[in-house]
Amino acid sequence: ALGDVIIPYLEDVLDIQGSKRHGRIFRLLHKLKGKDIIPLAQRAAAEGSPPVASAAIAALGEDAKFEELLLVYAKDKKAEVRGAAFTALLNLDSPKGVEMLTAELGKNSISHIELAASSSKNKAVFQKVVEETENVFTDSEKNHNKIAVLLRILARSDENTALELIENKVISVLKSKGANWTVTAFELNNLFNILLERERKYLEAAYRILSVADDKYFMPYIKMRLAVKLFSAEKVFDECKDSNYYYLLYEVYGVQKGEHIPDEQKSWDRRWGKRLAEKNTFFHEFIYDSDDKAWDIFLVRVKTQVQRNTPPLINAYPHPGELYKWLCVNKHPKAEIFYKILLKLGFTESEIRECLLK
């Protein structure tokens, strides 16, 4: 088997004092060797760098006979090692591990136990997370790092009270403090990215939170992603049409710059075409081929820019020649009209033909 062939090579390159790369190598060795990795895991846990020691502890955590050893590592000076030990202990349903984890949740710095607390199904752990969340929100300025970790733990929980707690606490603070809240945009986006991958009730709660969020948190992007998952194409337009972040449509609808999608395959509301053209944006990929009014507005915009001799800005609007080629390649009904516009703008027929050859 290929695994048997590669194992000696991996063992040879593994440096237990190495970087995260060597932690990944150890995990691969564990997958290939199974329980045969245990002697090496014991040595790596004791002598290895934090990334390798953490991988070794995960291997030891598959056997309950190492519980006492894991309890020792749960007190290690290195946070990454402690976190790995707590995760392993909870996987073993260790009562002592649960007791130690709940105590650890009471500290100010808890990033290292986020994975352990998130994966735990233990009621005592969940109740401690709820208790700590209530406590830190009494002074939401004091420890925004801990607030962010607790919210992410709750976001991964299947308990209904977890979702209610997130929504109530975050909305309350956003209403009172708005953009002055010390929780950063990055931290809030991490929370929303977790909620975005969950079932509908989490998406709906996230959208309600967004209704009071400030643009400081770059919420228009999250709002569009949520809207596309929750609503019809018509409602997505109604909800997001006033956003100034129209370029986000490319990502939320999975459209590439310069891509042509036939009308029958377009999944967005056709009103986007006219809206984007009127807003002096040049996202022609979103205009339905059959939307004459939107195309007329768009082509006038392009013509006006050329008449002003404005140099094309990157991603701002298409070069006239490139646009003509795009229209021709995709057999667009406006190709002939734009050809006549180019002639009026002073392009020669040979110059226009050269555009098609580029």
Protein backbone atom coordinates (compact mmCIF):
# COMPACT_ATOMS: atom_id res chain seq x y z
CA ALA A 1 0.00 0.00 0.00
CA LEU A 2 1.07 3.57 -0.63
CA GLY A 3 0.87 4.32 3.09
CA ASP A 4 3.42 1.64 3.91
CA VAL A 5 5.78 3.12 1.33
CA ILE A 6 5.48 6.71 2.56
CA ILE A 7 5.66 6.04 6.32
CA PRO A 8 9.48 5.64 6.44
CA TYR A 9 9.90 8.89 4.52
CA LEU A 10 7.56 10.80 6.87
CA GLU A 11 9.30 9.37 9.93
CA ASP A 12 12.63 10.45 8.49
CA VAL A 13 11.58 14.07 7.81
CA LEU A 14 9.60 14.51 11.04
CA ASP A 15 11.23 16.86 13.52
CA ILE A 16 9.38 16.75 16.83
CA GLN A 17 10.81 20.17 17.64
CA GLY A 18 9.60 21.50 14.30
CA SER A 19 7.00 23.98 13.10
CA LYS A 20 3.29 23.58 12.31
CA ARG A 21 4.32 21.70 9.17
CA HIS A 22 5.74 18.95 11.36
CA GLY A 23 2.55 18.92 13.39
CA ARG A 24 0.72 18.13 10.14
CA ILE A 25 3.27 15.44 9.32
CA PHE A 26 2.66 13.84 12.72
CA ARG A 27 -1.12 13.85 12.15
CA LEU A 28 -0.62 12.15 8.80
CA LEU A 29 1.63 9.53 10.42
CA HIS A 30 -1.03 8.96 13.08
CA LYS A 31 -3.64 8.41 10.38
CA LEU A 32 -1.40 5.91 8.58
CA LYS A 33 -0.03 4.04 11.61
CA GLY A 34 -3.00 4.12 13.99
CA LYS A 35 -2.15 2.80 17.46
CA ASP A 36 1.40 2.01 16.37
CA ILE A 37 2.11 5.74 16.68
CA ILE A 38 1.71 5.66 20.49
CA PRO A 39 5.42 5.25 21.48
CA LEU A 40 6.36 8.18 19.26
CA ALA A 41 3.34 10.15 20.51
CA GLN A 42 4.45 9.74 24.12
CA ARG A 43 7.90 11.11 23.31
CA ALA A 44 6.58 13.93 21.08
CA ALA A 45 4.05 15.02 23.71
CA ALA A 46 6.81 15.27 26.30
CA GLU A 47 9.60 16.73 24.16
CA GLY A 48 7.97 18.23 21.06
CA SER A 49 7.24 21.79 20.00
CA PRO A 50 3.67 22.95 20.74
CA PRO A 51 2.33 22.06 17.23
CA VAL A 52 3.85 18.57 17.31
CA ALA A 53 3.04 17.99 20.99
CA SER A 54 -0.59 18.96 20.30
CA ALA A 55 -0.81 16.44 17.46
CA ALA A 56 0.74 13.77 19.69
CA ILE A 57 -1.72 14.52 22.51
CA ALA A 58 -4.61 14.03 20.06
CA ALA A 59 -3.26 10.55 19.36
CA LEU A 60 -2.95 9.75 23.07
CA GLY A 61 -6.51 10.99 23.58
CA GLU A 62 -7.88 7.99 21.71
CA ASP A 63 -7.03 5.70 24.62
CA ALA A 64 -8.55 6.18 28.11
CA LYS A 65 -5.44 4.73 29.77
CA PHE A 66 -3.67 8.03 29.09
CA GLU A 67 -6.26 10.10 30.97
CA GLU A 68 -3.94 10.86 33.90
CA LEU A 69 -1.17 11.92 31.55
CA LEU A 70 -3.56 14.17 29.66
CA LEU A 71 -4.63 15.78 32.93
CA VAL A 72 -0.99 16.69 33.48
CA TYR A 73 -0.72 18.24 30.02
CA ALA A 74 -3.89 20.22 30.73
CA LYS A 75 -1.77 22.17 33.23
CA ASP A 76 1.12 22.76 30.82
CA LYS A 77 2.63 26.24 30.57
CA LYS A 78 1.99 26.35 26.82
CA ALA A 79 -1.59 27.31 25.96
CA GLU A 80 -1.61 25.29 22.70
CA VAL A 81 -0.64 22.13 24.59
CA ARG A 82 -3.27 22.77 27.27
CA GLY A 83 -5.91 23.26 24.61
CA ALA A 84 -5.04 19.96 22.90
CA ALA A 85 -5.15 18.15 26.23
CA PHE A 86 -8.60 19.55 27.09
CA THR A 87 -9.94 18.52 23.68
CA ALA A 88 -8.59 14.99 24.17
CA LEU A 89 -9.99 14.75 27.71
CA LEU A 90 -13.46 15.79 26.58
CA ASN A 91 -13.34 13.25 23.78
CA LEU A 92 -12.76 10.66 26.51
CA ASP A 93 -15.68 12.05 28.61
CA SER A 94 -13.24 12.57 31.46
CA PRO A 95 -15.06 13.92 34.56
CA LYS A 96 -11.82 15.47 35.82
CA GLY A 97 -11.26 17.00 32.40
CA VAL A 98 -14.72 18.58 32.47
CA GLU A 99 -14.07 19.97 35.94
CA MET A 100 -10.75 21.49 34.87
CA LEU A 101 -12.24 22.90 31.66
CA THR A 102 -15.06 24.66 33.47
CA ALA A 103 -12.47 26.23 35.78
CA GLU A 104 -10.38 27.27 32.76
CA LEU A 105 -13.42 28.98 31.21
CA GLY A 106 -13.46 31.33 34.19
CA LYS A 107 -10.08 32.82 33.22
CA ASN A 108 -9.62 35.92 31.06
CA SER A 109 -7.76 34.17 28.25
CA ILE A 110 -9.66 31.20 26.82
CA SER A 111 -8.72 31.10 23.12
CA HIS A 112 -6.77 27.87 23.62
CA ILE A 113 -9.87 25.99 24.81
CA GLU A 114 -12.28 27.24 22.13
CA LEU A 115 -12.13 23.95 20.22
CA ALA A 116 -12.56 21.84 23.35
CA ALA A 117 -15.53 23.85 24.63
CA SER A 118 -17.11 24.00 21.15
CA SER A 119 -16.95 20.24 20.63
CA SER A 120 -18.19 19.38 24.12
CA LYS A 121 -21.71 18.02 24.58
CA ASN A 122 -21.37 18.15 28.37
CA LYS A 123 -24.16 20.15 30.03
CA ALA A 124 -21.84 21.46 32.75
CA VAL A 125 -19.47 22.92 30.16
CA PHE A 126 -22.35 24.57 28.28
CA GLN A 127 -23.78 26.07 31.47
CA LYS A 128 -20.35 27.49 32.33
CA VAL A 129 -20.10 29.06 28.87
CA VAL A 130 -23.53 30.66 29.39
CA GLU A 131 -22.52 31.87 32.86
CA GLU A 132 -19.29 33.41 31.58
CA THR A 133 -21.11 35.05 28.68
CA GLU A 134 -23.57 36.68 31.08
CA ASN A 135 -20.66 37.85 33.24
CA VAL A 136 -18.50 39.38 30.49
CA PHE A 137 -21.43 41.22 28.94
CA THR A 138 -22.00 43.11 32.18
CA ASP A 139 -18.98 45.11 31.04
CA SER A 140 -18.75 44.56 27.29
CA GLU A 141 -15.72 46.87 27.03
CA LYS A 142 -13.54 44.95 29.46
CA ASN A 143 -12.56 41.78 27.62
CA HIS A 144 -13.60 41.79 23.98
CA ASN A 145 -11.30 38.86 23.17
CA LYS A 146 -13.09 36.62 25.65
CA ILE A 147 -16.48 37.86 24.43
CA ALA A 148 -15.55 36.93 20.85
CA VAL A 149 -14.43 33.40 21.84
CA LEU A 150 -17.56 32.77 23.94
CA LEU A 151 -19.81 33.92 21.09
CA ARG A 152 -18.07 31.54 18.67
CA ILE A 153 -18.47 28.66 21.13
CA LEU A 154 -22.18 29.42 21.47
CA ALA A 155 -22.55 29.72 17.69
CA ARG A 156 -21.39 26.10 17.31
CA SER A 157 -23.76 24.83 20.00
CA ASP A 158 -26.99 23.01 19.19
CA GLU A 159 -28.71 24.38 22.29
CA ASN A 160 -31.59 26.76 21.48
CA THR A 161 -30.65 28.95 24.44
CA ALA A 162 -27.21 29.49 22.87
CA LEU A 163 -28.67 31.15 19.78
CA GLU A 164 -31.05 33.26 21.87
CA LEU A 165 -28.16 34.40 24.06
CA ILE A 166 -26.03 35.42 21.07
CA GLU A 167 -28.85 37.38 19.48
CA ASN A 168 -29.98 39.14 22.65
CA LYS A 169 -26.52 40.10 23.87
CA VAL A 170 -25.06 41.26 20.56
CA ILE A 171 -28.14 43.25 19.52
CA SER A 172 -28.30 44.90 22.94
CA VAL A 173 -24.67 46.06 22.75
CA LEU A 174 -24.87 47.15 19.11
CA LYS A 175 -27.93 49.25 19.88
CA SER A 176 -26.27 50.95 22.84
CA LYS A 177 -22.70 51.29 21.59
CA GLY A 178 -22.84 50.86 17.81
CA ALA A 179 -19.46 51.41 16.17
CA ASN A 180 -17.93 52.22 19.57
CA TRP A 181 -18.05 48.59 20.70
CA THR A 182 -14.53 47.26 21.25
CA VAL A 183 -15.29 43.92 19.59
CA THR A 184 -13.49 44.20 16.25
CA ALA A 185 -14.85 43.74 12.75
CA PHE A 186 -12.61 40.70 12.34
CA GLU A 187 -14.03 39.10 15.49
CA LEU A 188 -17.64 39.72 14.48
CA ASN A 189 -17.03 38.44 10.97
CA ASN A 190 -15.62 35.22 12.42
CA LEU A 191 -18.84 34.81 14.38
CA PHE A 192 -21.01 35.40 11.31
CA ASN A 193 -18.93 33.00 9.22
CA ILE A 194 -19.80 30.25 11.71
CA LEU A 195 -23.51 31.15 11.68
CA LEU A 196 -23.50 31.22 7.86
CA GLU A 197 -22.63 27.53 7.74
CA ARG A 198 -25.46 26.48 10.03
CA GLU A 199 -29.15 25.78 9.53
CA ARG A 200 -31.81 28.34 8.71
CA LYS A 201 -32.67 29.48 12.24
CA TYR A 202 -29.03 30.56 12.72
CA LEU A 203 -29.09 32.46 9.43
CA GLU A 204 -32.30 34.22 10.44
CA ALA A 205 -30.82 35.22 13.80
CA ALA A 206 -27.69 36.52 12.08
CA TYR A 207 -29.82 38.63 9.74
CA ARG A 208 -31.72 40.14 12.66
CA ILE A 209 -28.39 41.08 14.27
CA LEU A 210 -27.30 42.69 11.01
CA SER A 211 -30.33 44.96 11.07
CA VAL A 212 -28.67 46.96 13.87
CA ALA A 213 -25.01 46.51 12.87
CA ASP A 214 -22.85 49.43 11.79
CA ASP A 215 -20.89 49.54 8.52
CA LYS A 216 -17.75 49.59 10.67
CA TYR A 217 -18.10 45.82 10.74
CA PHE A 218 -18.26 45.52 6.94
CA MET A 219 -21.66 43.93 7.33
CA PRO A 220 -22.89 44.60 3.76
CA TYR A 221 -20.90 41.57 2.58
CA ILE A 222 -22.32 39.31 5.28
CA LYS A 223 -25.80 40.75 4.67
CA MET A 224 -25.66 39.88 0.97
CA ARG A 225 -24.42 36.35 1.68
CA LEU A 226 -27.21 35.82 4.19
CA ALA A 227 -29.86 37.34 1.95
CA VAL A 228 -28.94 35.03 -0.94
CA LYS A 229 -29.28 32.01 1.38
CA LEU A 230 -32.53 33.16 2.99
CA PHE A 231 -34.59 34.98 0.40
CA SER A 232 -35.92 34.89 -3.12
CA ALA A 233 -33.97 36.76 -5.82
CA GLU A 234 -36.58 39.52 -5.73
CA LYS A 235 -36.24 40.07 -1.98
CA VAL A 236 -32.45 39.96 -2.16
CA PHE A 237 -32.63 42.93 -4.54
CA ASP A 238 -35.10 44.79 -2.34
CA GLU A 239 -32.95 44.23 0.75
CA CYS A 240 -29.54 45.02 -0.79
CA LYS A 241 -30.20 47.47 -3.63
CA ASP A 242 -29.13 50.51 -1.58
CA SER A 243 -25.75 49.05 -0.67
CA ASN A 244 -22.66 50.83 -1.97
CA TYR A 245 -20.79 47.54 -2.17
CA TYR A 246 -22.15 46.31 -5.49
CA TYR A 247 -18.90 44.54 -6.40
CA LEU A 248 -19.81 41.98 -3.74
CA LEU A 249 -22.39 40.59 -6.17
CA TYR A 250 -19.57 38.85 -8.00
CA GLU A 251 -18.73 36.79 -4.94
CA VAL A 252 -22.18 36.08 -3.55
CA TYR A 253 -23.44 34.90 -6.95
CA GLY A 254 -20.19 33.22 -7.98
CA VAL A 255 -19.69 35.29 -11.13
CA GLN A 256 -16.24 35.92 -12.62
CA LYS A 257 -15.23 39.26 -14.14
CA GLY A 258 -15.87 39.08 -17.88
CA GLU A 259 -18.00 35.93 -17.59
CA HIS A 260 -21.14 35.66 -19.68
CA ILE A 261 -24.07 33.75 -18.21
CA PRO A 262 -27.13 33.11 -20.41
CA ASP A 263 -30.34 34.72 -19.16
CA GLU A 264 -31.95 31.36 -18.36
CA GLN A 265 -29.07 30.58 -15.99
CA LYS A 266 -28.95 33.94 -14.20
CA SER A 267 -30.13 33.49 -10.62
CA TRP A 268 -30.41 37.14 -9.60
CA ASP A 269 -33.25 39.62 -10.03
CA ARG A 270 -33.15 41.30 -13.45
CA ARG A 271 -33.60 44.70 -11.79
CA TRP A 272 -29.94 44.58 -10.78
CA GLY A 273 -28.92 45.41 -14.35
CA LYS A 274 -30.73 48.75 -14.51
CA ARG A 275 -29.78 49.55 -10.92
CA LEU A 276 -26.08 48.99 -11.54
CA ALA A 277 -26.12 50.96 -14.79
CA GLU A 278 -27.92 53.90 -13.17
CA LYS A 279 -25.40 53.91 -10.32
CA ASN A 280 -22.64 54.46 -12.87
CA THR A 281 -21.12 51.07 -12.17
CA PHE A 282 -19.84 48.95 -15.01
CA PHE A 283 -20.78 45.42 -13.98
CA HIS A 284 -22.24 44.39 -17.32
CA GLU A 285 -22.12 40.70 -16.37
CA PHE A 286 -25.26 41.25 -14.27
CA ILE A 287 -27.38 42.81 -17.01
CA TYR A 288 -29.82 40.40 -18.61
CA ASP A 289 -29.18 40.14 -22.36
CA SER A 290 -32.86 40.83 -22.98
CA ASP A 291 -32.95 43.95 -20.77
CA ASP A 292 -32.82 46.63 -23.49
CA LYS A 293 -33.30 49.57 -21.14
CA ALA A 294 -30.47 48.55 -18.84
CA TRP A 295 -28.12 47.93 -21.79
CA ASP A 296 -28.97 51.30 -23.32
CA ILE A 297 -28.10 53.05 -20.05
CA PHE A 298 -24.92 51.03 -19.69
CA LEU A 299 -23.66 51.70 -23.22
CA VAL A 300 -24.31 55.44 -22.79
CA ARG A 301 -22.16 55.30 -19.63
CA VAL A 302 -19.30 53.67 -21.53
CA LYS A 303 -19.66 56.14 -24.41
CA THR A 304 -19.58 59.08 -21.98
CA GLN A 305 -16.40 57.83 -20.32
CA VAL A 306 -14.65 57.46 -23.68
CA GLN A 307 -15.76 60.93 -24.82
CA ARG A 308 -14.26 62.39 -21.65
CA ASN A 309 -10.97 60.67 -22.50
CA THR A 310 -10.96 59.19 -19.02
CA PRO A 311 -8.31 56.47 -18.73
CA PRO A 312 -9.94 53.15 -17.82
CA LEU A 313 -9.47 52.33 -14.14
CA ILE A 314 -8.77 48.77 -13.09
CA ASN A 315 -12.11 47.04 -12.42
CA ALA A 316 -13.94 50.35 -12.97
CA TYR A 317 -15.34 49.83 -16.47
CA PRO A 318 -14.42 47.72 -19.49
CA HIS A 319 -12.18 49.00 -22.26
CA PRO A 320 -14.47 49.70 -25.27
CA GLY A 321 -12.59 47.20 -27.42
CA GLU A 322 -12.78 44.50 -24.77
CA LEU A 323 -16.48 45.15 -24.29
CA TYR A 324 -17.11 44.90 -28.05
CA LYS A 325 -15.23 41.59 -28.19
CA TRP A 326 -17.26 40.32 -25.20
CA LEU A 327 -20.51 41.26 -26.93
CA CYS A 328 -19.46 39.57 -30.18
CA VAL A 329 -18.11 36.38 -28.64
CA ASN A 330 -21.33 35.94 -26.69
CA LYS A 331 -23.52 36.78 -29.72
CA HIS A 332 -25.08 39.60 -27.76
CA PRO A 333 -27.99 41.51 -29.35
CA LYS A 334 -26.28 44.83 -28.56
CA ALA A 335 -23.04 44.00 -30.42
CA GLU A 336 -24.08 45.71 -33.66
CA ILE A 337 -25.35 48.79 -31.82
CA PHE A 338 -22.08 49.12 -29.93
CA TYR A 339 -20.14 48.70 -33.17
CA LYS A 340 -21.89 51.83 -34.50
CA ILE A 341 -21.15 53.65 -31.24
CA LEU A 342 -17.45 52.85 -31.61
CA LEU A 343 -17.44 54.22 -35.16
CA LYS A 344 -19.05 57.46 -33.94
CA LEU A 345 -16.43 57.66 -31.20
CA GLY A 346 -13.70 57.71 -33.84
CA PHE A 347 -12.60 54.08 -33.90
CA THR A 348 -11.75 52.86 -37.40
CA GLU A 349 -13.06 49.59 -38.76
CA SER A 350 -9.55 48.11 -38.70
CA GLU A 351 -9.11 49.10 -35.04
CA ILE A 352 -12.41 47.45 -34.17
CA ARG A 353 -11.42 44.27 -36.02
CA GLU A 354 -8.13 44.20 -34.12
CA CYS A 355 -10.12 44.21 -30.86
CA LEU A 356 -11.63 40.86 -31.87
CA LEU A 357 -8.20 39.34 -32.47
CA LYS A 358 -6.69 40.25 -29.10
